[in-house]
Amino acid sequence: MAVVKKTVSITEEIYKESVGLSKNFSQTINEALKEYIKKRKREKSYRLQAS
């Protein structure tokens, strides 16, 4: 799988808390984005079904 490097801006509080939970920040961001994408797809699917 190809790796893409991007710069993101997050609060220092969120960064410190995430690093406290996992030392691999890139993996944490990757997992969070996967969950976000799944959630948004589910929401979109529900909206389409309700129409």
PDB file of N, CA and C in Angstrom:
ATOM      1  N   MET A   1       0.837  -1.168   0.000  1.00  0.00           N
ATOM      2  CA  MET A   1       0.000   0.000   0.000  1.00  0.00           C
ATOM      3  C   MET A   1       0.890   1.242   0.000  1.00  0.00           C
ATOM      4  N   ALA A   2       0.569   2.192  -0.843  1.00  0.00           N
ATOM      5  CA  ALA A   2       1.350   3.422  -0.934  1.00  0.00           C
ATOM      6  C   ALA A   2       1.118   4.290   0.308  1.00  0.00           C
ATOM      7  N   VAL A   3       2.116   5.037   0.668  1.00  0.00           N
ATOM      8  CA  VAL A   3       2.037   5.941   1.808  1.00  0.00           C
ATOM      9  C   VAL A   3       2.026   7.369   1.288  1.00  0.00           C
ATOM     10  N   VAL A   4       1.103   8.168   1.816  1.00  0.00           N
ATOM     11  CA  VAL A   4       1.009   9.577   1.444  1.00  0.00           C
ATOM     12  C   VAL A   4       1.347  10.407   2.675  1.00  0.00           C
ATOM     13  N   LYS A   5       2.233  11.360   2.524  1.00  0.00           N
ATOM     14  CA  LYS A   5       2.593  12.237   3.635  1.00  0.00           C
ATOM     15  C   LYS A   5       1.845  13.544   3.485  1.00  0.00           C
ATOM     16  N   LYS A   6       1.149  13.932   4.541  1.00  0.00           N
ATOM     17  CA  LYS A   6       0.381  15.172   4.565  1.00  0.00           C
ATOM     18  C   LYS A   6       0.650  15.896   5.874  1.00  0.00           C
ATOM     19  N   THR A   7       0.481  17.194   5.846  1.00  0.00           N
ATOM     20  CA  THR A   7       0.597  17.998   7.048  1.00  0.00           C
ATOM     21  C   THR A   7      -0.809  18.305   7.541  1.00  0.00           C
ATOM     22  N   VAL A   8      -1.047  18.077   8.832  1.00  0.00           N
ATOM     23  CA  VAL A   8      -2.345  18.375   9.421  1.00  0.00           C
ATOM     24  C   VAL A   8      -2.157  19.290  10.630  1.00  0.00           C
ATOM     25  N   SER A   9      -3.186  20.032  10.940  1.00  0.00           N
ATOM     26  CA  SER A   9      -3.157  20.894  12.121  1.00  0.00           C
ATOM     27  C   SER A   9      -4.150  20.361  13.136  1.00  0.00           C
ATOM     28  N   ILE A  10      -3.656  20.037  14.318  1.00  0.00           N
ATOM     29  CA  ILE A  10      -4.514  19.564  15.402  1.00  0.00           C
ATOM     30  C   ILE A  10      -4.100  20.300  16.664  1.00  0.00           C
ATOM     31  N   THR A  11      -4.973  20.289  17.650  1.00  0.00           N
ATOM     32  CA  THR A  11      -4.621  20.960  18.897  1.00  0.00           C
ATOM     33  C   THR A  11      -3.538  20.170  19.626  1.00  0.00           C
ATOM     34  N   GLU A  12      -2.762  20.877  20.400  1.00  0.00           N
ATOM     35  CA  GLU A  12      -1.697  20.236  21.172  1.00  0.00           C
ATOM     36  C   GLU A  12      -2.300  19.241  22.165  1.00  0.00           C
ATOM     37  N   GLU A  13      -3.457  19.569  22.712  1.00  0.00           N
ATOM     38  CA  GLU A  13      -4.131  18.697  23.670  1.00  0.00           C
ATOM     39  C   GLU A  13      -4.461  17.336  23.037  1.00  0.00           C
ATOM     40  N   ILE A  14      -5.029  17.352  21.834  1.00  0.00           N
ATOM     41  CA  ILE A  14      -5.365  16.104  21.149  1.00  0.00           C
ATOM     42  C   ILE A  14      -4.096  15.327  20.817  1.00  0.00           C
ATOM     43  N   TYR A  15      -3.064  16.033  20.367  1.00  0.00           N
ATOM     44  CA  TYR A  15      -1.801  15.360  20.041  1.00  0.00           C
ATOM     45  C   TYR A  15      -1.224  14.661  21.271  1.00  0.00           C
ATOM     46  N   LYS A  16      -1.142  15.386  22.383  1.00  0.00           N
ATOM     47  CA  LYS A  16      -0.558  14.812  23.597  1.00  0.00           C
ATOM     48  C   LYS A  16      -1.360  13.618  24.086  1.00  0.00           C
ATOM     49  N   GLU A  17      -2.691  13.724  24.027  1.00  0.00           N
ATOM     50  CA  GLU A  17      -3.520  12.614  24.482  1.00  0.00           C
ATOM     51  C   GLU A  17      -3.341  11.397  23.583  1.00  0.00           C
ATOM     52  N   SER A  18      -3.271  11.609  22.276  1.00  0.00           N
ATOM     53  CA  SER A  18      -3.115  10.481  21.359  1.00  0.00           C
ATOM     54  C   SER A  18      -1.753   9.815  21.521  1.00  0.00           C
ATOM     55  N   VAL A  19      -0.713  10.591  21.703  1.00  0.00           N
ATOM     56  CA  VAL A  19       0.632  10.032  21.898  1.00  0.00           C
ATOM     57  C   VAL A  19       0.702   9.296  23.232  1.00  0.00           C
ATOM     58  N   GLY A  20      -0.065   9.761  24.210  1.00  0.00           N
ATOM     59  CA  GLY A  20      -0.109   9.069  25.499  1.00  0.00           C
ATOM     60  C   GLY A  20      -0.766   7.699  25.387  1.00  0.00           C
ATOM     61  N   LEU A  21      -1.666   7.551  24.422  1.00  0.00           N
ATOM     62  CA  LEU A  21      -2.363   6.278  24.240  1.00  0.00           C
ATOM     63  C   LEU A  21      -1.612   5.336  23.310  1.00  0.00           C
ATOM     64  N   SER A  22      -0.892   5.903  22.347  1.00  0.00           N
ATOM     65  CA  SER A  22      -0.160   5.092  21.377  1.00  0.00           C
ATOM     66  C   SER A  22       1.053   5.875  20.904  1.00  0.00           C
ATOM     67  N   LYS A  23       2.194   5.242  20.916  1.00  0.00           N
ATOM     68  CA  LYS A  23       3.422   5.924  20.487  1.00  0.00           C
ATOM     69  C   LYS A  23       3.500   6.077  18.971  1.00  0.00           C
ATOM     70  N   ASN A  24       2.682   5.317  18.221  1.00  0.00           N
ATOM     71  CA  ASN A  24       2.710   5.386  16.766  1.00  0.00           C
ATOM     72  C   ASN A  24       1.624   6.346  16.290  1.00  0.00           C
ATOM     73  N   PHE A  25       1.966   7.628  16.182  1.00  0.00           N
ATOM     74  CA  PHE A  25       1.003   8.671  15.838  1.00  0.00           C
ATOM     75  C   PHE A  25       0.407   8.449  14.452  1.00  0.00           C
ATOM     76  N   SER A  26       1.214   8.031  13.496  1.00  0.00           N
ATOM     77  CA  SER A  26       0.709   7.792  12.137  1.00  0.00           C
ATOM     78  C   SER A  26      -0.355   6.703  12.137  1.00  0.00           C
ATOM     79  N   GLN A  27      -0.129   5.653  12.891  1.00  0.00           N
ATOM     80  CA  GLN A  27      -1.108   4.571  12.979  1.00  0.00           C
ATOM     81  C   GLN A  27      -2.392   5.077  13.634  1.00  0.00           C
ATOM     82  N   THR A  28      -2.256   5.905  14.647  1.00  0.00           N
ATOM     83  CA  THR A  28      -3.426   6.468  15.320  1.00  0.00           C
ATOM     84  C   THR A  28      -4.263   7.288  14.349  1.00  0.00           C
ATOM     85  N   ILE A  29      -3.614   8.138  13.566  1.00  0.00           N
ATOM     86  CA  ILE A  29      -4.329   8.959  12.581  1.00  0.00           C
ATOM     87  C   ILE A  29      -4.974   8.069  11.533  1.00  0.00           C
ATOM     88  N   ASN A  30      -4.259   7.064  11.064  1.00  0.00           N
ATOM     89  CA  ASN A  30      -4.782   6.139  10.062  1.00  0.00           C
ATOM     90  C   ASN A  30      -6.046   5.430  10.571  1.00  0.00           C
ATOM     91  N   GLU A  31      -5.995   4.932  11.803  1.00  0.00           N
ATOM     92  CA  GLU A  31      -7.154   4.257  12.388  1.00  0.00           C
ATOM     93  C   GLU A  31      -8.325   5.222  12.569  1.00  0.00           C
ATOM     94  N   ALA A  32      -8.032   6.427  13.019  1.00  0.00           N
ATOM     95  CA  ALA A  32      -9.088   7.417  13.227  1.00  0.00           C
ATOM     96  C   ALA A  32      -9.773   7.779  11.910  1.00  0.00           C
ATOM     97  N   LEU A  33      -8.991   7.935  10.861  1.00  0.00           N
ATOM     98  CA  LEU A  33      -9.579   8.265   9.562  1.00  0.00           C
ATOM     99  C   LEU A  33     -10.406   7.112   9.010  1.00  0.00           C
ATOM    100  N   LYS A  34      -9.952   5.888   9.204  1.00  0.00           N
ATOM    101  CA  LYS A  34     -10.734   4.728   8.770  1.00  0.00           C
ATOM    102  C   LYS A  34     -12.094   4.720   9.464  1.00  0.00           C
ATOM    103  N   GLU A  35     -12.094   4.955  10.787  1.00  0.00           N
ATOM    104  CA  GLU A  35     -13.347   4.985  11.543  1.00  0.00           C
ATOM    105  C   GLU A  35     -14.244   6.130  11.076  1.00  0.00           C
ATOM    106  N   TYR A  36     -13.654   7.284  10.825  1.00  0.00           N
ATOM    107  CA  TYR A  36     -14.408   8.445  10.352  1.00  0.00           C
ATOM    108  C   TYR A  36     -15.066   8.140   9.000  1.00  0.00           C
ATOM    109  N   ILE A  37     -14.321   7.535   8.098  1.00  0.00           N
ATOM    110  CA  ILE A  37     -14.845   7.203   6.764  1.00  0.00           C
ATOM    111  C   ILE A  37     -15.991   6.199   6.885  1.00  0.00           C
ATOM    112  N   LYS A  38     -15.820   5.172   7.722  1.00  0.00           N
ATOM    113  CA  LYS A  38     -16.889   4.185   7.913  1.00  0.00           C
ATOM    114  C   LYS A  38     -18.156   4.860   8.448  1.00  0.00           C
ATOM    115  N   LYS A  39     -17.970   5.741   9.421  1.00  0.00           N
ATOM    116  CA  LYS A  39     -19.109   6.433  10.026  1.00  0.00           C
ATOM    117  C   LYS A  39     -19.837   7.284   8.994  1.00  0.00           C
ATOM    118  N   ARG A  40     -19.093   8.031   8.213  1.00  0.00           N
ATOM    119  CA  ARG A  40     -19.708   8.906   7.208  1.00  0.00           C
ATOM    120  C   ARG A  40     -20.423   8.097   6.129  1.00  0.00           C
ATOM    121  N   LYS A  41     -19.858   6.972   5.729  1.00  0.00           N
ATOM    122  CA  LYS A  41     -20.511   6.112   4.730  1.00  0.00           C
ATOM    123  C   LYS A  41     -21.818   5.556   5.284  1.00  0.00           C
ATOM    124  N   ARG A  42     -21.804   5.138   6.555  1.00  0.00           N
ATOM    125  CA  ARG A  42     -23.022   4.641   7.191  1.00  0.00           C
ATOM    126  C   ARG A  42     -24.088   5.730   7.228  1.00  0.00           C
ATOM    127  N   GLU A  43     -23.698   6.931   7.637  1.00  0.00           N
ATOM    128  CA  GLU A  43     -24.641   8.046   7.709  1.00  0.00           C
ATOM    129  C   GLU A  43     -25.224   8.356   6.335  1.00  0.00           C
ATOM    130  N   LYS A  44     -24.385   8.347   5.329  1.00  0.00           N
ATOM    131  CA  LYS A  44     -24.846   8.620   3.975  1.00  0.00           C
ATOM    132  C   LYS A  44     -25.819   7.530   3.528  1.00  0.00           C
ATOM    133  N   SER A  45     -25.516   6.291   3.828  1.00  0.00           N
ATOM    134  CA  SER A  45     -26.375   5.177   3.468  1.00  0.00           C
ATOM    135  C   SER A  45     -27.736   5.302   4.152  1.00  0.00           C
ATOM    136  N   TYR A  46     -27.754   5.661   5.444  1.00  0.00           N
ATOM    137  CA  TYR A  46     -29.002   5.832   6.166  1.00  0.00           C
ATOM    138  C   TYR A  46     -29.845   6.957   5.567  1.00  0.00           C
ATOM    139  N   ARG A  47     -29.181   8.061   5.198  1.00  0.00           N
ATOM    140  CA  ARG A  47     -29.907   9.183   4.594  1.00  0.00           C
ATOM    141  C   ARG A  47     -30.533   8.768   3.272  1.00  0.00           C
ATOM    142  N   LEU A  48     -29.810   8.010   2.482  1.00  0.00           N
ATOM    143  CA  LEU A  48     -30.332   7.554   1.193  1.00  0.00           C
ATOM    144  C   LEU A  48     -31.497   6.593   1.379  1.00  0.00           C
ATOM    145  N   GLN A  49     -31.429   5.734   2.374  1.00  0.00           N
ATOM    146  CA  GLN A  49     -32.506   4.777   2.644  1.00  0.00           C
ATOM    147  C   GLN A  49     -33.757   5.487   3.155  1.00  0.00           C
ATOM    148  N   ALA A  50     -33.560   6.573   3.899  1.00  0.00           N
ATOM    149  CA  ALA A  50     -34.692   7.307   4.464  1.00  0.00           C
ATOM    150  C   ALA A  50     -35.409   8.145   3.412  1.00  0.00           C
ATOM    151  N   SER A  51     -34.760   8.379   2.297  1.00  0.00           N
ATOM    152  CA  SER A  51     -35.361   9.219   1.247  1.00  0.00           C
ATOM    153  C   SER A  51     -36.441   8.505   0.482  1.00  0.00           C
TER     154      SER A  51
END
